[in-house]
Amino acid sequence: MKTSLGWTVHGDGKKILPGAVVAPDERLSWPRTIGIGMQHVVAMFGATLLVPTLTGFPVNTTLLFSGVGTMLFLLLTRNRLPSYLGSSFAFIAPLSASQVHGIGAQIGGVLATGLALVVVGFIVKAAGRRVIDAVMPPAVTGAIVALIGLNLAPTAAANFASQPLVAAVTLLVILVATVAGRGMVARLGILLGVVVGWIFAALTGNLADGSAEAVSEAAWFGLPQFHAPEFQLSAILVTLPVLIVLIAENVGHVKAVSAMTGKNLDDLAGNALIADGLATSLAGGFGGSGTTTYAENIGVMAATRVYSTAAYWVAALTAVVLAFIPKFGALIFTIPTGVLGGATLVLYGLIGMLGIRIWQDNDVDFNNPVNLTTAAVALIAGIGNLTLTVFGVTLEGIAWGSAGIIVVYPVLRWLYVHVGEGRGARFQAGDRG
C-alpha cells in the first residue's frame, strides 16, 4: 500500500519476517517508525554533540545543522538512501589545530571543505558508476567500511573499561533484546539497552557529579548561536585533508547500505557526496561542525533490519526541535561513559562486520595477493589509528587507511597483471577488487 508521503507499508506494518528487511522506500506503522527514528537520535546524539564540545563549537548550532543536513541529504538522494548526517570526527583534529585563529577561521575551513566535496560529487555524478567501480571496487570498499568501524574500537573499549559494570548491563540488555526479543523489543534493542544502562547507572551512583543540577539549570528554550565564516589559508589547508575521509565515508555508506538491503545504490554516490558537501558548507556558513554519514546509524540499521528513510525524517525533525531545547542536550550529556561503551561495543563491531560482508557478497578472492595485502595494510592502519604529520597536517588512521588503499590498490593491481604472477592475465570475477 503506497502512502501519500511515498513510502509503502511493509507487510502489516508490525512485523518483519525472518530474512526480510524494511527497504528505504518502505516503513512500518508510524508509532514503530517514530520509535526507530528516536533510536537513531539516541545513536547519533552523543557523537554529534561530542565534536562541537571538543572543538569549541556551539552545540545547539551543530545539532540544528545536522538535522537540516539530514533532510537535505534525503531530498537530494530522493529518499532512496537512508542516512543521518552527524558531526564528522575527522574534523576534530584540524579544528582543534586551528582554534588559535578563532571560530570564524575554523568554520571557514569547514565551508571550504564542504564546497570541495560538492565538486567531487558532481564529478562522480557526471562520470557515473564506472568511477566508483574503478576507484573503489569491493576489495577496497569492504576494507574502508571495516576500518571505519574498527578504528573506533579503542574508544568503545575505553568507555567500557571506565564503568565496566554499567557497560556490561547495557551490553547484556542490547544483546538479549536484539537476539531473543520479538517485534519492537528486537527493533529497539539499542535504545532499550541505553535506557536500562542509564537507569542502572543512576541507581548505583555512576552518574557524573552535578548531573541533576546541570539539567535543572538548563533552559527549556534557547536559540542556537550563529557565526560568520572567515577565510584564512592556514586554517583551510589544515582542514581540507578531511575531504579524503568524507569521500570514503559517503561512498562506504552507499556500499554498506547496498550490501544490507540487496539493492545497488551506486548511482546515488554522486548525489550523496553533493548532499554531504552542501550540508557541510551550510553548517560551516553559520557556525556548525562539518557533517558526514554516520557509522552509529549504520549499526542501528544492521541491528533492526529497518532501512526506511521515514525513520530518518523522524530523526532529522527531532534533532531540529531539540536544537532549540538546551535542557534536553544537558540531559543527554548525563549519559555515562559506561553506557556509551556498552552500546558502541556492538555498533562499531557491526560496522566492521559489514565491511567483511561486502567482501563475502562480492566473492572477493583473498588468494589474490593484491586483495590480501592492500586490505591487510589498510585495516592495520585503521585499527591501529596510524597518525602521521605531513607538512604540518596531522592525519589519522581512517584517512591513511582509506587514502592508502585507494591509491595503492590500482598500482599493485597493475604490477600484478603486467609484471608479477598475474602477467598476461586479467582479474577474474573471483578476484573482485
Protein backbone atom coordinates (compact mmCIF):
# COMPACT_ATOMS: atom_id res chain seq x y z
CA MET A 1 0.00 0.00 0.00
CA LYS A 2 1.54 3.29 -1.13
CA THR A 3 1.20 6.19 1.29
CA SER A 4 0.76 9.85 0.41
CA LEU A 5 4.34 10.50 1.55
CA GLY A 6 5.76 7.91 -0.83
CA TRP A 7 6.50 5.00 1.49
CA THR A 8 4.95 1.58 1.10
CA VAL A 9 3.84 -0.03 4.34
CA HIS A 10 5.96 -3.12 4.92
CA GLY A 11 3.73 -6.17 5.37
CA ASP A 12 1.20 -5.46 8.07
CA GLY A 13 3.34 -2.61 9.39
CA LYS A 14 4.06 -4.52 12.59
CA LYS A 15 6.34 -7.46 11.88
CA ILE A 16 9.44 -8.18 9.78
CA LEU A 17 9.55 -11.74 8.51
CA PRO A 18 12.77 -13.78 9.03
CA GLY A 19 15.33 -12.87 6.36
CA ALA A 20 13.36 -9.78 5.24
CA VAL A 21 14.28 -6.12 5.64
CA VAL A 22 12.29 -2.89 5.61
CA ALA A 23 13.56 -1.21 2.44
CA PRO A 24 14.32 2.54 2.16
CA ASP A 25 11.02 3.15 0.33
CA GLU A 26 9.03 1.19 2.93
CA ARG A 27 8.04 1.86 6.51
CA LEU A 28 6.45 0.17 9.47
CA SER A 29 3.43 1.69 11.24
CA TRP A 30 4.03 5.29 12.28
CA PRO A 31 4.34 4.53 16.03
CA ARG A 32 7.01 1.95 15.23
CA THR A 33 8.70 4.25 12.70
CA ILE A 34 8.81 7.06 15.25
CA GLY A 35 10.29 4.68 17.83
CA ILE A 36 13.04 3.60 15.45
CA GLY A 37 13.63 7.23 14.44
CA MET A 38 14.13 8.11 18.11
CA GLN A 39 16.64 5.26 18.37
CA HIS A 40 18.60 6.87 15.54
CA VAL A 41 18.55 10.12 17.53
CA VAL A 42 20.00 8.35 20.56
CA ALA A 43 22.63 6.63 18.41
CA MET A 44 23.90 9.85 16.85
CA PHE A 45 23.38 12.29 19.70
CA GLY A 46 26.43 11.63 21.85
CA ALA A 47 28.90 11.64 18.95
CA THR A 48 27.27 14.59 17.17
CA LEU A 49 27.50 16.73 20.30
CA LEU A 50 30.96 15.46 21.27
CA VAL A 51 32.61 17.08 18.23
CA PRO A 52 31.48 20.66 18.99
CA THR A 53 32.26 20.12 22.67
CA LEU A 54 35.86 19.19 21.87
CA THR A 55 36.37 21.88 19.21
CA GLY A 56 34.63 24.76 20.98
CA PHE A 57 31.72 24.99 18.55
CA PRO A 58 28.19 25.84 19.76
CA VAL A 59 26.46 22.53 20.50
CA ASN A 60 22.90 23.55 19.60
CA THR A 61 24.02 25.04 16.29
CA THR A 62 25.77 21.83 15.31
CA LEU A 63 22.70 19.79 16.26
CA LEU A 64 20.45 22.09 14.22
CA PHE A 65 22.54 21.74 11.05
CA SER A 66 22.91 18.01 11.47
CA GLY A 67 19.10 17.78 11.32
CA VAL A 68 18.80 20.23 8.43
CA GLY A 69 21.68 18.49 6.63
CA THR A 70 19.98 15.12 7.02
CA MET A 71 16.78 16.43 5.45
CA LEU A 72 18.80 17.93 2.59
CA PHE A 73 20.57 14.60 2.11
CA LEU A 74 17.28 12.67 1.98
CA LEU A 75 15.85 15.12 -0.56
CA LEU A 76 18.89 15.02 -2.87
CA THR A 77 19.09 11.22 -2.75
CA ARG A 78 15.34 11.07 -3.49
CA ASN A 79 14.51 9.20 -0.28
CA ARG A 80 16.40 6.14 -1.55
CA LEU A 81 19.50 6.28 0.68
CA PRO A 82 18.87 6.14 4.46
CA SER A 83 21.43 8.16 6.37
CA TYR A 84 21.85 10.57 9.25
CA LEU A 85 24.40 13.35 8.79
CA GLY A 86 26.07 13.90 12.14
CA SER A 87 29.25 15.71 13.15
CA SER A 88 32.30 14.18 11.50
CA PHE A 89 35.04 13.07 13.89
CA ALA A 90 37.52 13.72 11.09
CA PHE A 91 37.13 17.46 11.74
CA ILE A 92 38.22 17.23 15.40
CA ALA A 93 41.99 17.33 14.80
CA PRO A 94 42.09 20.14 12.19
CA LEU A 95 39.52 22.26 14.03
CA SER A 96 41.42 21.82 17.28
CA ALA A 97 44.63 22.80 15.50
CA SER A 98 43.03 25.95 14.10
CA GLN A 99 41.35 27.06 17.33
CA VAL A 100 44.02 29.75 17.72
CA HIS A 101 42.54 31.51 14.68
CA GLY A 102 39.05 31.70 16.20
CA ILE A 103 35.75 30.13 15.26
CA GLY A 104 35.37 32.29 12.14
CA ALA A 105 38.50 30.78 10.58
CA GLN A 106 37.54 27.32 11.81
CA ILE A 107 34.17 27.33 10.08
CA GLY A 108 35.79 28.94 7.03
CA GLY A 109 37.83 25.74 6.72
CA VAL A 110 34.67 23.65 7.17
CA LEU A 111 32.89 25.64 4.45
CA ALA A 112 35.80 25.28 2.01
CA THR A 113 35.96 21.52 2.61
CA GLY A 114 32.22 21.22 2.03
CA LEU A 115 32.44 23.08 -1.28
CA ALA A 116 35.32 20.84 -2.39
CA LEU A 117 33.18 17.78 -1.60
CA VAL A 118 30.37 19.21 -3.74
CA VAL A 119 32.79 19.47 -6.69
CA VAL A 120 33.88 15.85 -6.20
CA GLY A 121 30.23 14.82 -6.06
CA PHE A 122 29.46 16.45 -9.42
CA ILE A 123 32.49 14.72 -10.97
CA VAL A 124 31.27 11.35 -9.71
CA LYS A 125 27.72 12.10 -10.85
CA ALA A 126 28.88 13.08 -14.34
CA ALA A 127 31.24 10.13 -14.80
CA GLY A 128 28.77 7.60 -13.43
CA ARG A 129 29.29 4.30 -11.64
CA ARG A 130 32.48 3.49 -13.51
CA VAL A 131 34.39 5.98 -11.34
CA ILE A 132 33.25 4.18 -8.19
CA ASP A 133 33.89 0.77 -9.71
CA ALA A 134 37.36 1.78 -10.85
CA VAL A 135 38.49 3.68 -7.76
CA MET A 136 36.63 1.73 -5.07
CA PRO A 137 35.95 -1.88 -6.12
CA PRO A 138 34.60 -4.34 -3.48
CA ALA A 139 38.06 -5.26 -2.10
CA VAL A 140 38.67 -1.56 -1.43
CA THR A 141 35.21 -0.54 -0.19
CA GLY A 142 34.98 -3.55 2.12
CA ALA A 143 38.30 -2.60 3.71
CA ILE A 144 37.27 1.05 4.12
CA VAL A 145 33.89 0.20 5.69
CA ALA A 146 35.59 -2.29 8.02
CA LEU A 147 38.37 0.05 9.11
CA ILE A 148 35.91 2.92 9.76
CA GLY A 149 34.12 0.75 12.30
CA LEU A 150 37.18 -0.97 13.75
CA ASN A 151 39.10 2.30 14.02
CA LEU A 152 36.62 3.25 16.73
CA ALA A 153 37.26 0.07 18.74
CA PRO A 154 39.69 1.72 21.23
CA THR A 155 37.09 4.38 22.03
CA ALA A 156 34.43 1.77 22.71
CA ALA A 157 36.83 -0.31 24.80
CA ALA A 158 38.00 2.71 26.83
CA ASN A 159 34.41 3.76 27.56
CA PHE A 160 33.53 0.19 28.53
CA ALA A 161 36.52 -0.06 30.89
CA SER A 162 35.69 3.25 32.56
CA GLN A 163 32.50 1.77 34.09
CA PRO A 164 32.62 -1.97 33.40
CA LEU A 165 29.54 -2.95 35.42
CA VAL A 166 27.34 -0.28 33.83
CA ALA A 167 28.72 -1.13 30.40
CA ALA A 168 28.15 -4.86 30.94
CA VAL A 169 24.50 -4.30 31.92
CA THR A 170 23.96 -2.09 28.85
CA LEU A 171 25.64 -4.62 26.55
CA LEU A 172 23.71 -7.56 28.03
CA VAL A 173 20.34 -5.84 27.55
CA ILE A 174 21.19 -4.95 23.94
CA LEU A 175 22.32 -8.49 23.11
CA VAL A 176 19.34 -10.20 24.74
CA ALA A 177 16.79 -7.75 23.31
CA THR A 178 18.26 -7.90 19.80
CA VAL A 179 18.71 -11.67 19.63
CA ALA A 180 15.92 -13.05 21.83
CA GLY A 181 13.45 -10.18 21.61
CA ARG A 182 10.40 -10.13 19.37
CA GLY A 183 8.78 -7.28 17.46
CA MET A 184 9.64 -3.81 18.71
CA VAL A 185 11.77 -5.19 21.56
CA ALA A 186 14.22 -6.54 18.98
CA ARG A 187 13.92 -3.43 16.76
CA LEU A 188 14.65 -1.06 19.67
CA GLY A 189 17.26 -3.20 21.41
CA ILE A 190 19.95 -0.49 21.39
CA LEU A 191 17.61 2.17 22.76
CA LEU A 192 16.40 -0.22 25.47
CA GLY A 193 19.98 -1.04 26.41
CA VAL A 194 20.89 2.64 26.71
CA VAL A 195 17.82 3.45 28.82
CA VAL A 196 18.29 0.44 31.14
CA GLY A 197 22.01 1.15 31.46
CA TRP A 198 21.30 4.80 32.20
CA ILE A 199 18.79 3.88 34.94
CA PHE A 200 21.20 1.30 36.39
CA ALA A 201 23.97 3.92 36.47
CA ALA A 202 21.68 6.37 38.28
CA LEU A 203 20.65 3.75 40.87
CA THR A 204 24.26 2.72 41.53
CA GLY A 205 25.64 6.25 41.77
CA ASN A 206 27.52 6.16 38.47
CA LEU A 207 26.22 9.41 37.01
CA ALA A 208 28.69 12.28 36.94
CA ASP A 209 28.64 14.72 39.84
CA GLY A 210 26.40 17.69 39.19
CA SER A 211 24.32 15.93 36.52
CA ALA A 212 20.99 16.75 38.16
CA GLU A 213 22.00 20.37 38.72
CA ALA A 214 23.14 20.77 35.12
CA VAL A 215 19.78 19.52 33.82
CA SER A 216 17.72 21.65 36.20
CA GLU A 217 19.68 24.82 35.42
CA ALA A 218 19.47 24.42 31.63
CA ALA A 219 16.81 26.50 29.87
CA TRP A 220 13.80 24.88 28.20
CA PHE A 221 14.08 27.09 25.14
CA GLY A 222 17.05 28.82 23.55
CA LEU A 223 18.14 29.99 20.11
CA PRO A 224 21.30 28.48 18.61
CA GLN A 225 24.37 30.71 18.26
CA PHE A 226 25.36 31.68 14.72
CA HIS A 227 28.78 32.79 13.48
CA ALA A 228 30.10 34.13 10.17
CA PRO A 229 32.99 32.35 8.43
CA GLU A 230 36.39 33.90 7.81
CA PHE A 231 38.76 32.54 5.19
CA GLN A 232 42.36 32.05 6.32
CA LEU A 233 44.59 29.92 4.10
CA SER A 234 46.34 28.18 7.00
CA ALA A 235 43.05 27.08 8.57
CA ILE A 236 41.69 25.93 5.20
CA LEU A 237 44.82 23.91 4.37
CA VAL A 238 44.68 22.18 7.75
CA THR A 239 41.03 21.26 7.25
CA LEU A 240 40.96 20.22 3.56
CA PRO A 241 42.51 16.74 4.08
CA VAL A 242 39.26 15.79 5.82
CA LEU A 243 37.89 15.61 2.26
CA ILE A 244 39.53 12.18 1.87
CA VAL A 245 37.64 10.81 4.87
CA LEU A 246 34.31 12.34 3.82
CA ILE A 247 34.57 10.77 0.36
CA ALA A 248 35.47 7.39 1.84
CA GLU A 249 32.70 7.54 4.44
CA ASN A 250 29.99 8.59 1.98
CA VAL A 251 30.92 6.04 -0.68
CA GLY A 252 31.41 3.43 2.01
CA HIS A 253 27.94 4.26 3.32
CA VAL A 254 26.43 3.75 -0.15
CA LYS A 255 28.18 0.40 -0.45
CA ALA A 256 27.21 -0.67 3.07
CA VAL A 257 23.52 0.15 2.59
CA SER A 258 23.62 -1.60 -0.80
CA ALA A 259 25.01 -4.72 0.85
CA MET A 260 22.48 -4.63 3.70
CA THR A 261 19.41 -4.03 1.51
CA GLY A 262 20.45 -6.09 -1.51
CA LYS A 263 19.92 -3.07 -3.81
CA ASN A 264 22.63 -1.50 -5.94
CA LEU A 265 22.69 2.19 -4.97
CA ASP A 266 25.92 3.19 -6.72
CA ASP A 267 24.00 5.66 -8.89
CA LEU A 268 23.40 7.71 -5.72
CA ALA A 269 27.09 8.07 -4.82
CA GLY A 270 27.41 11.43 -6.60
CA ASN A 271 24.22 12.76 -5.04
CA ALA A 272 25.36 11.59 -1.60
CA LEU A 273 28.67 13.44 -1.95
CA ILE A 274 26.93 16.58 -3.21
CA ALA A 275 24.39 16.44 -0.39
CA ASP A 276 27.00 15.97 2.33
CA GLY A 277 29.11 18.71 0.76
CA LEU A 278 26.16 21.12 0.80
CA ALA A 279 25.26 20.13 4.38
CA THR A 280 28.86 20.67 5.50
CA SER A 281 29.01 24.02 3.66
CA LEU A 282 25.72 25.10 5.23
CA ALA A 283 26.96 24.18 8.71
CA GLY A 284 30.26 25.94 8.11
CA GLY A 285 28.47 29.02 6.85
CA PHE A 286 26.65 29.57 10.16
CA GLY A 287 28.80 28.07 12.91
CA GLY A 288 28.20 24.33 12.90
CA SER A 289 30.63 21.45 12.54
CA GLY A 290 31.07 19.56 9.25
CA THR A 291 28.82 16.55 8.67
CA THR A 292 29.16 13.02 7.41
CA THR A 293 27.12 9.85 7.07
CA TYR A 294 27.04 8.21 10.48
CA ALA A 295 28.53 4.86 11.36
CA GLU A 296 26.42 4.65 14.52
CA ASN A 297 23.24 4.75 12.46
CA ILE A 298 24.51 2.06 10.09
CA GLY A 299 24.87 -0.07 13.20
CA VAL A 300 21.27 0.65 14.21
CA MET A 301 20.04 -0.34 10.74
CA ALA A 302 22.07 -3.54 10.82
CA ALA A 303 20.62 -4.41 14.22
CA THR A 304 16.98 -3.55 13.39
CA ARG A 305 16.90 -4.51 9.68
CA VAL A 306 14.88 -1.31 9.15
CA TYR A 307 16.32 0.91 6.39
CA SER A 308 13.27 3.12 5.96
CA THR A 309 14.09 6.75 5.17
CA ALA A 310 10.89 7.65 7.05
CA ALA A 311 12.73 6.87 10.30
CA TYR A 312 15.47 9.31 9.28
CA TRP A 313 12.95 12.09 8.63
CA VAL A 314 11.74 11.50 12.20
CA ALA A 315 15.33 11.66 13.47
CA ALA A 316 16.13 14.83 11.49
CA LEU A 317 12.98 16.67 12.59
CA THR A 318 13.63 15.61 16.18
CA ALA A 319 17.19 16.98 16.02
CA VAL A 320 15.95 20.34 14.71
CA VAL A 321 13.38 20.61 17.51
CA LEU A 322 15.89 19.55 20.17
CA ALA A 323 18.37 22.17 18.91
CA PHE A 324 16.06 24.75 20.49
CA ILE A 325 15.82 22.86 23.82
CA PRO A 326 19.09 23.19 25.77
CA LYS A 327 17.65 21.17 28.67
CA PHE A 328 17.47 18.06 26.51
CA GLY A 329 21.10 18.47 25.49
CA ALA A 330 22.06 18.72 29.15
CA LEU A 331 20.07 15.55 29.86
CA ILE A 332 21.82 13.61 27.10
CA PHE A 333 25.19 14.70 28.44
CA THR A 334 24.38 12.87 31.68
CA ILE A 335 24.59 9.51 29.85
CA PRO A 336 27.64 7.91 31.49
CA THR A 337 30.61 6.69 29.50
CA GLY A 338 29.92 3.11 30.57
CA VAL A 339 26.55 3.15 28.82
CA LEU A 340 28.18 4.52 25.67
CA GLY A 341 30.86 1.84 25.94
CA GLY A 342 28.33 -0.98 26.12
CA ALA A 343 26.34 0.35 23.16
CA THR A 344 29.28 1.23 20.92
CA LEU A 345 30.92 -2.13 21.50
CA VAL A 346 28.02 -3.53 19.49
CA LEU A 347 27.55 -0.70 16.99
CA TYR A 348 31.19 -0.29 15.97
CA GLY A 349 31.64 -4.05 15.69
CA LEU A 350 28.62 -4.29 13.40
CA ILE A 351 30.17 -1.69 11.09
CA GLY A 352 33.41 -3.67 10.92
CA MET A 353 31.49 -6.83 10.07
CA LEU A 354 29.61 -5.01 7.31
CA GLY A 355 32.91 -4.46 5.53
CA ILE A 356 33.57 -8.20 5.71
CA ARG A 357 30.07 -8.82 4.36
CA ILE A 358 30.87 -6.65 1.34
CA TRP A 359 33.85 -8.91 0.63
CA GLN A 360 31.74 -12.01 1.12
CA ASP A 361 28.81 -10.87 -1.02
CA ASN A 362 31.15 -9.91 -3.87
CA ASP A 363 33.27 -13.08 -3.72
CA VAL A 364 36.48 -11.15 -3.12
CA ASP A 365 39.34 -13.63 -3.52
CA PHE A 366 41.98 -13.28 -0.82
CA ASN A 367 44.19 -15.83 -2.53
CA ASN A 368 44.93 -12.92 -4.83
CA PRO A 369 47.92 -11.08 -3.27
CA VAL A 370 46.65 -7.67 -4.36
CA ASN A 371 43.37 -8.06 -2.46
CA LEU A 372 45.12 -9.65 0.50
CA THR A 373 47.99 -7.23 1.04
CA THR A 374 46.15 -3.97 0.39
CA ALA A 375 43.28 -4.92 2.71
CA ALA A 376 45.71 -6.12 5.37
CA VAL A 377 47.71 -2.88 5.40
CA ALA A 378 44.62 -0.65 5.29
CA LEU A 379 42.99 -2.49 8.20
CA ILE A 380 46.07 -2.26 10.41
CA ALA A 381 46.48 1.44 9.60
CA GLY A 382 42.84 2.00 10.52
CA ILE A 383 42.60 -0.23 13.59
CA GLY A 384 45.96 0.97 14.94
CA ASN A 385 44.95 4.56 14.17
CA LEU A 386 48.22 5.30 12.37
CA THR A 387 48.81 9.02 12.97
CA LEU A 388 51.40 10.93 10.95
CA THR A 389 52.06 14.61 10.35
CA VAL A 390 52.89 15.65 6.79
CA PHE A 391 53.72 19.28 6.02
CA GLY A 392 52.19 20.31 9.33
CA VAL A 393 48.93 18.45 8.71
CA THR A 394 48.12 15.55 11.03
CA LEU A 395 46.12 12.68 9.54
CA GLU A 396 44.88 9.66 11.48
CA GLY A 397 44.06 6.03 10.77
CA ILE A 398 40.86 6.37 8.74
CA ALA A 399 42.47 8.88 6.39
CA TRP A 400 45.70 6.89 5.93
CA GLY A 401 43.92 3.56 5.60
CA SER A 402 41.32 4.88 3.17
CA ALA A 403 43.65 7.03 1.07
CA GLY A 404 46.33 4.37 1.13
CA ILE A 405 44.20 1.57 -0.26
CA ILE A 406 42.57 3.84 -2.86
CA VAL A 407 46.00 4.93 -4.17
CA VAL A 408 47.98 1.71 -3.69
CA TYR A 409 45.39 -0.82 -4.92
CA PRO A 410 45.42 0.15 -8.63
CA VAL A 411 49.22 0.36 -8.62
CA LEU A 412 49.60 -3.13 -7.15
CA ARG A 413 46.91 -4.45 -9.46
CA TRP A 414 48.81 -3.13 -12.48
CA LEU A 415 52.06 -4.67 -11.21
CA TYR A 416 50.33 -7.99 -10.62
CA VAL A 417 48.83 -8.10 -14.11
CA HIS A 418 51.83 -6.78 -16.07
CA VAL A 419 54.86 -7.78 -14.00
CA GLY A 420 54.07 -10.40 -11.36
CA GLU A 421 52.45 -13.83 -11.35
CA GLY A 422 49.33 -12.43 -12.95
CA ARG A 423 51.34 -11.31 -16.05
CA GLY A 424 49.32 -11.59 -19.20
CA ALA A 425 46.13 -12.35 -17.30
CA ARG A 426 43.32 -10.14 -16.24
CA PHE A 427 41.46 -10.11 -12.94
CA GLN A 428 38.80 -12.77 -13.00
CA ALA A 429 35.40 -12.39 -11.34
CA GLY A 430 36.70 -14.19 -8.30
CA ASP A 431 39.47 -11.62 -7.92
CA ARG A 432 36.97 -8.83 -7.41
CA GLY A 433 38.60 -5.68 -6.37
